Amino acid sequence: MQQEQLDQLSIGMTKDQVTFLLGTPMLSGLDTEQHWIYTTYSDAAGYASLVIEFTEGNVSAIRLSDNFLTE
């Protein structure tokens, strides 16, 4: 995942916009309609996650793990 992609991610985006920007999520949490999870791995940081939460089909929260690294 590129830093430019994260910079474009914003509250209010639709699911289609997020999919176009980041691709299909690796995981979709317990509630696939409300939580999408993207993961990365690096030798330096291990596994990290980006969690996107949706309310009524739009991004309502964006959470990055502390060790999330971009290319």
C-alpha atoms as a PDB file:
ATOM      1  CA  MET A   1       0.000   0.000   0.000  1.00  0.00           C
ATOM      2  CA  GLN A   2       1.326   3.425  -0.937  1.00  0.00           C
ATOM      3  CA  GLN A   3       1.290   6.506   1.290  1.00  0.00           C
ATOM      4  CA  GLU A   4      -0.518   8.396  -1.502  1.00  0.00           C
ATOM      5  CA  GLN A   5      -3.393   5.918  -1.229  1.00  0.00           C
ATOM      6  CA  LEU A   6      -3.715   6.492   2.508  1.00  0.00           C
ATOM      7  CA  ASP A   7      -3.578  10.249   1.971  1.00  0.00           C
ATOM      8  CA  GLN A   8      -6.605  10.002  -0.348  1.00  0.00           C
ATOM      9  CA  LEU A   9      -8.633   7.857   2.055  1.00  0.00           C
ATOM     10  CA  SER A  10     -11.162   9.984   3.911  1.00  0.00           C
ATOM     11  CA  ILE A  11     -14.286   9.931   6.051  1.00  0.00           C
ATOM     12  CA  GLY A  12     -17.442   9.875   3.928  1.00  0.00           C
ATOM     13  CA  MET A  13     -16.052   7.854   1.010  1.00  0.00           C
ATOM     14  CA  THR A  14     -18.287   5.123  -0.371  1.00  0.00           C
ATOM     15  CA  LYS A  15     -17.352   1.437  -0.410  1.00  0.00           C
ATOM     16  CA  ASP A  16     -16.886   1.626  -4.183  1.00  0.00           C
ATOM     17  CA  GLN A  17     -14.450   4.527  -3.786  1.00  0.00           C
ATOM     18  CA  VAL A  18     -12.462   2.644  -1.126  1.00  0.00           C
ATOM     19  CA  THR A  19     -12.342  -0.485  -3.290  1.00  0.00           C
ATOM     20  CA  PHE A  20     -11.153   1.548  -6.285  1.00  0.00           C
ATOM     21  CA  LEU A  21      -8.450   3.204  -4.164  1.00  0.00           C
ATOM     22  CA  LEU A  22      -7.230   0.239  -2.076  1.00  0.00           C
ATOM     23  CA  GLY A  23      -8.602  -2.864  -3.740  1.00  0.00           C
ATOM     24  CA  THR A  24     -10.602  -5.645  -2.113  1.00  0.00           C
ATOM     25  CA  PRO A  25     -10.025  -5.939   1.648  1.00  0.00           C
ATOM     26  CA  MET A  26      -8.080  -8.925   2.957  1.00  0.00           C
ATOM     27  CA  LEU A  27     -10.605  -9.449   5.749  1.00  0.00           C
ATOM     28  CA  SER A  28     -13.978  -7.989   6.428  1.00  0.00           C
ATOM     29  CA  GLY A  29     -14.349  -8.516  10.158  1.00  0.00           C
ATOM     30  CA  LEU A  30     -17.310  -9.993  11.910  1.00  0.00           C
ATOM     31  CA  ASP A  31     -19.718  -7.646  10.171  1.00  0.00           C
ATOM     32  CA  THR A  32     -18.722  -7.376   6.513  1.00  0.00           C
ATOM     33  CA  GLU A  33     -21.071  -4.464   5.965  1.00  0.00           C
ATOM     34  CA  GLN A  34     -19.385  -2.330   8.609  1.00  0.00           C
ATOM     35  CA  HIS A  35     -15.700  -3.350   8.923  1.00  0.00           C
ATOM     36  CA  TRP A  36     -13.050  -3.860   6.262  1.00  0.00           C
ATOM     37  CA  ILE A  37      -9.505  -4.861   7.204  1.00  0.00           C
ATOM     38  CA  TYR A  38      -6.375  -4.455   5.087  1.00  0.00           C
ATOM     39  CA  THR A  39      -3.120  -6.007   6.301  1.00  0.00           C
ATOM     40  CA  THR A  40       0.558  -5.486   5.530  1.00  0.00           C
ATOM     41  CA  TYR A  41       3.704  -7.331   6.553  1.00  0.00           C
ATOM     42  CA  SER A  42       7.307  -6.221   6.817  1.00  0.00           C
ATOM     43  CA  ASP A  43      10.322  -7.888   8.402  1.00  0.00           C
ATOM     44  CA  ALA A  44      10.922  -4.758  10.475  1.00  0.00           C
ATOM     45  CA  ALA A  45       7.387  -4.275  11.823  1.00  0.00           C
ATOM     46  CA  GLY A  46       5.649  -7.633  11.378  1.00  0.00           C
ATOM     47  CA  TYR A  47       1.946  -7.656  10.587  1.00  0.00           C
ATOM     48  CA  ALA A  48      -0.025  -4.426  10.706  1.00  0.00           C
ATOM     49  CA  SER A  49      -3.599  -3.502   9.897  1.00  0.00           C
ATOM     50  CA  LEU A  50      -5.761  -0.756   8.489  1.00  0.00           C
ATOM     51  CA  VAL A  51      -9.363  -1.000   9.667  1.00  0.00           C
ATOM     52  CA  ILE A  52     -12.059   0.952   7.864  1.00  0.00           C
ATOM     53  CA  GLU A  53     -15.476   1.221   9.460  1.00  0.00           C
ATOM     54  CA  PHE A  54     -18.620   2.070   7.528  1.00  0.00           C
ATOM     55  CA  THR A  55     -21.911   3.591   8.615  1.00  0.00           C
ATOM     56  CA  GLU A  56     -24.745   3.549   6.076  1.00  0.00           C
ATOM     57  CA  GLY A  57     -22.278   2.604   3.326  1.00  0.00           C
ATOM     58  CA  ASN A  58     -19.785   5.418   3.927  1.00  0.00           C
ATOM     59  CA  VAL A  59     -16.455   5.512   5.762  1.00  0.00           C
ATOM     60  CA  SER A  60     -17.077   6.594   9.346  1.00  0.00           C
ATOM     61  CA  ALA A  61     -13.714   5.693  10.947  1.00  0.00           C
ATOM     62  CA  ILE A  62     -10.178   4.870   9.825  1.00  0.00           C
ATOM     63  CA  ARG A  63      -7.770   3.136  12.201  1.00  0.00           C
ATOM     64  CA  LEU A  64      -4.125   2.253  11.529  1.00  0.00           C
ATOM     65  CA  SER A  65      -2.114   0.007  13.816  1.00  0.00           C
ATOM     66  CA  ASP A  66       0.926   1.747  15.297  1.00  0.00           C
ATOM     67  CA  ASN A  67       3.335  -0.320  13.212  1.00  0.00           C
ATOM     68  CA  PHE A  68       1.572   0.208   9.848  1.00  0.00           C
ATOM     69  CA  LEU A  69       4.168   0.861   7.134  1.00  0.00           C
ATOM     70  CA  THR A  70       3.640   2.029   3.570  1.00  0.00           C
ATOM     71  CA  GLU A  71       5.878   1.409   0.569  1.00  0.00           C
END
